[in-house]
Amino acid sequence: MDKENSLLNVLLIEDSDTDALIIQDAINRHHKEAICQRAATLRAGEEILQKGEIDLVLLDLGLPDTASPKDTYDQIKKWADKLPVIIMTNLHDHDLARVMVHEGAADFLNKDLIAENPTHIQKVIDFAVERHAISKRLLQEAKDKDAILNCFMGGYSIDK
């Protein structure tokens, strides 16, 4: 999140103009603290991510430059430890959703829910950002504890 003006920089990776319009409209109306940028392909999305100014990704799984929904996520999941990646699709595949969340996706949202209730996207975004911040904080605390223990042990391991 941009600390200076506390705006959330969202990257929407979506190839469908219609879906992108619905999603961007829902974000603009129901998440006033968010600025949404769109990429129509995974390659274009990764170019934007490389610049380092994005706080959250909304990812469509059916992109023209990927082989399958799983391939789409496999190519973007390297970003999941850096920022929340919310999967957005019209697929009704609960098992695929569980796998992707297990592999680091912040959430899995059916696009039909956004069309039916546009306020839903605000909740999903807010909760994903909060969970990600907590996860990062816990990871840092674990690293700090390891560093302290390492100091007390003189840098030596008790494992033989």
C-alpha atoms as a PDB file:
ATOM      1  CA  MET A   1       0.000   0.000   0.000  1.00  0.00           C
ATOM      2  CA  ASP A   2       1.286   3.453  -0.859  1.00  0.00           C
ATOM      3  CA  LYS A   3       2.167   4.845   2.595  1.00  0.00           C
ATOM      4  CA  GLU A   4       2.073   8.494   1.533  1.00  0.00           C
ATOM      5  CA  ASN A   5      -1.563   8.589   0.498  1.00  0.00           C
ATOM      6  CA  SER A   6      -2.666   5.154   1.774  1.00  0.00           C
ATOM      7  CA  LEU A   7      -4.073   4.117  -1.583  1.00  0.00           C
ATOM      8  CA  LEU A   8      -4.143   0.446  -2.477  1.00  0.00           C
ATOM      9  CA  ASN A   9      -2.581  -0.178  -5.894  1.00  0.00           C
ATOM     10  CA  VAL A  10      -4.475  -3.079  -7.467  1.00  0.00           C
ATOM     11  CA  LEU A  11      -3.428  -4.917 -10.609  1.00  0.00           C
ATOM     12  CA  LEU A  12      -6.289  -6.601 -12.449  1.00  0.00           C
ATOM     13  CA  ILE A  13      -5.006  -9.230 -14.877  1.00  0.00           C
ATOM     14  CA  GLU A  14      -8.095  -9.901 -16.983  1.00  0.00           C
ATOM     15  CA  ASP A  15      -8.476 -10.445 -20.720  1.00  0.00           C
ATOM     16  CA  SER A  16     -12.251  -9.964 -20.945  1.00  0.00           C
ATOM     17  CA  ASP A  17     -13.211  -6.328 -21.481  1.00  0.00           C
ATOM     18  CA  THR A  18     -16.686  -6.983 -20.065  1.00  0.00           C
ATOM     19  CA  ASP A  19     -15.415  -8.702 -16.909  1.00  0.00           C
ATOM     20  CA  ALA A  20     -12.730  -6.044 -16.445  1.00  0.00           C
ATOM     21  CA  LEU A  21     -15.335  -3.294 -16.666  1.00  0.00           C
ATOM     22  CA  ILE A  22     -17.569  -4.980 -14.058  1.00  0.00           C
ATOM     23  CA  ILE A  23     -14.646  -5.583 -11.696  1.00  0.00           C
ATOM     24  CA  GLN A  24     -13.133  -2.115 -12.109  1.00  0.00           C
ATOM     25  CA  ASP A  25     -16.551  -0.516 -11.593  1.00  0.00           C
ATOM     26  CA  ALA A  26     -17.091  -2.548  -8.409  1.00  0.00           C
ATOM     27  CA  ILE A  27     -13.674  -1.489  -7.105  1.00  0.00           C
ATOM     28  CA  ASN A  28     -14.226   2.168  -8.010  1.00  0.00           C
ATOM     29  CA  ARG A  29     -17.641   2.251  -6.324  1.00  0.00           C
ATOM     30  CA  HIS A  30     -16.973   0.131  -3.269  1.00  0.00           C
ATOM     31  CA  HIS A  31     -13.296   0.468  -2.496  1.00  0.00           C
ATOM     32  CA  LYS A  32     -12.527   4.174  -2.614  1.00  0.00           C
ATOM     33  CA  GLU A  33      -8.978   3.638  -1.302  1.00  0.00           C
ATOM     34  CA  ALA A  34      -7.994   1.535  -4.331  1.00  0.00           C
ATOM     35  CA  ILE A  35      -6.544   2.448  -7.698  1.00  0.00           C
ATOM     36  CA  CYS A  36      -7.010  -0.297 -10.274  1.00  0.00           C
ATOM     37  CA  GLN A  37      -4.668  -0.867 -13.196  1.00  0.00           C
ATOM     38  CA  ARG A  38      -5.440  -3.498 -15.824  1.00  0.00           C
ATOM     39  CA  ALA A  39      -3.337  -5.879 -17.882  1.00  0.00           C
ATOM     40  CA  ALA A  40      -4.970  -8.132 -20.486  1.00  0.00           C
ATOM     41  CA  THR A  41      -2.248 -10.800 -20.490  1.00  0.00           C
ATOM     42  CA  LEU A  42      -0.074 -12.471 -17.897  1.00  0.00           C
ATOM     43  CA  ARG A  43       3.057 -11.152 -19.612  1.00  0.00           C
ATOM     44  CA  ALA A  44       1.772  -7.564 -19.419  1.00  0.00           C
ATOM     45  CA  GLY A  45       0.812  -8.116 -15.783  1.00  0.00           C
ATOM     46  CA  GLU A  46       4.263  -9.387 -14.889  1.00  0.00           C
ATOM     47  CA  GLU A  47       5.850  -6.361 -16.548  1.00  0.00           C
ATOM     48  CA  ILE A  48       3.761  -4.127 -14.283  1.00  0.00           C
ATOM     49  CA  LEU A  49       4.601  -6.247 -11.209  1.00  0.00           C
ATOM     50  CA  GLN A  50       8.325  -5.936 -11.981  1.00  0.00           C
ATOM     51  CA  LYS A  51       8.067  -2.180 -11.368  1.00  0.00           C
ATOM     52  CA  GLY A  52       7.189  -2.874  -7.723  1.00  0.00           C
ATOM     53  CA  GLU A  53       4.291  -0.461  -7.292  1.00  0.00           C
ATOM     54  CA  ILE A  54       1.459  -2.991  -6.913  1.00  0.00           C
ATOM     55  CA  ASP A  55      -0.076  -3.987  -3.556  1.00  0.00           C
ATOM     56  CA  LEU A  56      -2.547  -6.667  -4.666  1.00  0.00           C
ATOM     57  CA  VAL A  57      -3.277  -8.783  -7.756  1.00  0.00           C
ATOM     58  CA  LEU A  58      -6.707  -9.820  -9.009  1.00  0.00           C
ATOM     59  CA  LEU A  59      -5.979 -12.688 -11.394  1.00  0.00           C
ATOM     60  CA  ASP A  60      -8.236 -14.201 -14.031  1.00  0.00           C
ATOM     61  CA  LEU A  61      -7.282 -17.812 -14.723  1.00  0.00           C
ATOM     62  CA  GLY A  62      -8.287 -17.915 -18.395  1.00  0.00           C
ATOM     63  CA  LEU A  63      -5.669 -15.743 -20.052  1.00  0.00           C
ATOM     64  CA  PRO A  64      -4.672 -15.914 -23.724  1.00  0.00           C
ATOM     65  CA  ASP A  65      -0.958 -16.372 -23.029  1.00  0.00           C
ATOM     66  CA  THR A  66      -1.279 -19.322 -20.635  1.00  0.00           C
ATOM     67  CA  ALA A  67      -2.060 -22.973 -21.320  1.00  0.00           C
ATOM     68  CA  SER A  68      -4.578 -23.633 -18.524  1.00  0.00           C
ATOM     69  CA  PRO A  69      -5.962 -22.207 -15.281  1.00  0.00           C
ATOM     70  CA  LYS A  70      -3.317 -24.122 -13.309  1.00  0.00           C
ATOM     71  CA  ASP A  71      -0.580 -22.846 -15.645  1.00  0.00           C
ATOM     72  CA  THR A  72      -1.786 -19.276 -15.111  1.00  0.00           C
ATOM     73  CA  TYR A  73      -1.469 -19.569 -11.350  1.00  0.00           C
ATOM     74  CA  ASP A  74       1.797 -21.520 -11.519  1.00  0.00           C
ATOM     75  CA  GLN A  75       3.346 -18.623 -13.426  1.00  0.00           C
ATOM     76  CA  ILE A  76       2.136 -15.921 -11.004  1.00  0.00           C
ATOM     77  CA  LYS A  77       2.436 -17.688  -7.645  1.00  0.00           C
ATOM     78  CA  LYS A  78       6.029 -16.524  -7.194  1.00  0.00           C
ATOM     79  CA  TRP A  79       4.484 -13.154  -6.291  1.00  0.00           C
ATOM     80  CA  ALA A  80       2.169 -14.593  -3.595  1.00  0.00           C
ATOM     81  CA  ASP A  81       4.740 -14.166  -0.814  1.00  0.00           C
ATOM     82  CA  LYS A  82       5.259 -10.509  -1.768  1.00  0.00           C
ATOM     83  CA  LEU A  83       1.618  -9.433  -2.152  1.00  0.00           C
ATOM     84  CA  PRO A  84      -1.867 -10.945  -2.001  1.00  0.00           C
ATOM     85  CA  VAL A  85      -2.984 -12.706  -5.193  1.00  0.00           C
ATOM     86  CA  ILE A  86      -6.748 -13.134  -5.429  1.00  0.00           C
ATOM     87  CA  ILE A  87      -7.907 -15.625  -8.035  1.00  0.00           C
ATOM     88  CA  MET A  88     -11.003 -14.509  -9.944  1.00  0.00           C
ATOM     89  CA  THR A  89     -12.726 -16.876 -12.311  1.00  0.00           C
ATOM     90  CA  ASN A  90     -16.030 -18.227 -13.533  1.00  0.00           C
ATOM     91  CA  LEU A  91     -14.837 -21.787 -12.923  1.00  0.00           C
ATOM     92  CA  HIS A  92     -16.713 -23.703 -10.265  1.00  0.00           C
ATOM     93  CA  ASP A  93     -13.835 -26.009  -9.337  1.00  0.00           C
ATOM     94  CA  HIS A  94     -13.582 -26.227  -5.557  1.00  0.00           C
ATOM     95  CA  ASP A  95     -10.631 -28.628  -5.671  1.00  0.00           C
ATOM     96  CA  LEU A  96      -8.627 -26.297  -7.913  1.00  0.00           C
ATOM     97  CA  ALA A  97      -9.451 -23.404  -5.591  1.00  0.00           C
ATOM     98  CA  ARG A  98      -8.211 -25.351  -2.558  1.00  0.00           C
ATOM     99  CA  VAL A  99      -4.962 -26.266  -4.332  1.00  0.00           C
ATOM    100  CA  MET A 100      -4.281 -22.664  -5.320  1.00  0.00           C
ATOM    101  CA  VAL A 101      -5.045 -21.314  -1.850  1.00  0.00           C
ATOM    102  CA  HIS A 102      -2.811 -24.031  -0.395  1.00  0.00           C
ATOM    103  CA  GLU A 103      -0.050 -22.871  -2.781  1.00  0.00           C
ATOM    104  CA  GLY A 104      -0.329 -19.257  -1.647  1.00  0.00           C
ATOM    105  CA  ALA A 105      -3.328 -17.574  -3.283  1.00  0.00           C
ATOM    106  CA  ALA A 106      -4.958 -15.131  -0.867  1.00  0.00           C
ATOM    107  CA  ASP A 107      -8.482 -16.043  -1.949  1.00  0.00           C
ATOM    108  CA  PHE A 108     -10.516 -17.568  -4.758  1.00  0.00           C
ATOM    109  CA  LEU A 109     -13.478 -15.481  -5.909  1.00  0.00           C
ATOM    110  CA  ASN A 110     -16.120 -16.395  -8.442  1.00  0.00           C
ATOM    111  CA  LYS A 111     -16.746 -13.474 -10.811  1.00  0.00           C
ATOM    112  CA  ASP A 112     -20.488 -14.121 -10.687  1.00  0.00           C
ATOM    113  CA  LEU A 113     -20.437 -12.986  -7.035  1.00  0.00           C
ATOM    114  CA  ILE A 114     -19.047  -9.610  -8.075  1.00  0.00           C
ATOM    115  CA  ALA A 115     -21.777  -9.131 -10.676  1.00  0.00           C
ATOM    116  CA  GLU A 116     -24.453 -10.147  -8.152  1.00  0.00           C
ATOM    117  CA  ASN A 117     -23.057  -8.170  -5.217  1.00  0.00           C
ATOM    118  CA  PRO A 118     -20.344  -5.641  -6.117  1.00  0.00           C
ATOM    119  CA  THR A 119     -19.642  -4.857  -2.438  1.00  0.00           C
ATOM    120  CA  HIS A 120     -18.273  -8.394  -2.074  1.00  0.00           C
ATOM    121  CA  ILE A 121     -15.006  -7.388  -3.738  1.00  0.00           C
ATOM    122  CA  GLN A 122     -14.286  -4.799  -1.043  1.00  0.00           C
ATOM    123  CA  LYS A 123     -14.503  -7.440   1.686  1.00  0.00           C
ATOM    124  CA  VAL A 124     -12.359  -9.915  -0.230  1.00  0.00           C
ATOM    125  CA  ILE A 125      -9.690  -7.286  -0.911  1.00  0.00           C
ATOM    126  CA  ASP A 126      -9.685  -5.957   2.658  1.00  0.00           C
ATOM    127  CA  PHE A 127      -9.427  -9.416   4.217  1.00  0.00           C
ATOM    128  CA  ALA A 128      -6.722 -10.542   1.777  1.00  0.00           C
ATOM    129  CA  VAL A 129      -4.619  -7.466   2.530  1.00  0.00           C
ATOM    130  CA  GLU A 130      -5.045  -7.961   6.271  1.00  0.00           C
ATOM    131  CA  ARG A 131      -4.208 -11.692   6.162  1.00  0.00           C
ATOM    132  CA  HIS A 132      -1.141 -10.974   4.047  1.00  0.00           C
ATOM    133  CA  ALA A 133       0.096  -8.295   6.467  1.00  0.00           C
ATOM    134  CA  ILE A 134      -0.356 -10.664   9.416  1.00  0.00           C
ATOM    135  CA  SER A 135       1.447 -13.446   7.570  1.00  0.00           C
ATOM    136  CA  LYS A 136       4.389 -11.162   6.763  1.00  0.00           C
ATOM    137  CA  ARG A 137       4.561  -9.964  10.363  1.00  0.00           C
ATOM    138  CA  LEU A 138       4.538 -13.533  11.737  1.00  0.00           C
ATOM    139  CA  LEU A 139       7.244 -14.569   9.285  1.00  0.00           C
ATOM    140  CA  GLN A 140       9.407 -11.627  10.348  1.00  0.00           C
ATOM    141  CA  GLU A 141       8.854 -12.437  14.022  1.00  0.00           C
ATOM    142  CA  ALA A 142       9.946 -16.040  13.398  1.00  0.00           C
ATOM    143  CA  LYS A 143      13.091 -14.813  11.619  1.00  0.00           C
ATOM    144  CA  ASP A 144      13.837 -12.432  14.487  1.00  0.00           C
ATOM    145  CA  LYS A 145      13.440 -15.237  17.038  1.00  0.00           C
ATOM    146  CA  ASP A 146      15.732 -17.485  15.016  1.00  0.00           C
ATOM    147  CA  ALA A 147      18.360 -14.728  14.880  1.00  0.00           C
ATOM    148  CA  ILE A 148      18.177 -14.226  18.664  1.00  0.00           C
ATOM    149  CA  LEU A 149      18.460 -17.963  19.335  1.00  0.00           C
ATOM    150  CA  ASN A 150      21.380 -18.138  16.936  1.00  0.00           C
ATOM    151  CA  CYS A 151      23.149 -15.373  18.898  1.00  0.00           C
ATOM    152  CA  PHE A 152      22.639 -17.178  22.220  1.00  0.00           C
ATOM    153  CA  MET A 153      24.002 -20.367  20.736  1.00  0.00           C
ATOM    154  CA  GLY A 154      27.080 -18.605  19.422  1.00  0.00           C
ATOM    155  CA  GLY A 155      26.098 -19.334  15.865  1.00  0.00           C
ATOM    156  CA  TYR A 156      26.373 -23.066  16.466  1.00  0.00           C
ATOM    157  CA  SER A 157      23.749 -25.657  15.834  1.00  0.00           C
ATOM    158  CA  ILE A 158      22.894 -28.319  18.386  1.00  0.00           C
ATOM    159  CA  ASP A 159      22.148 -30.730  15.550  1.00  0.00           C
ATOM    160  CA  LYS A 160      24.934 -33.238  14.924  1.00  0.00           C
END
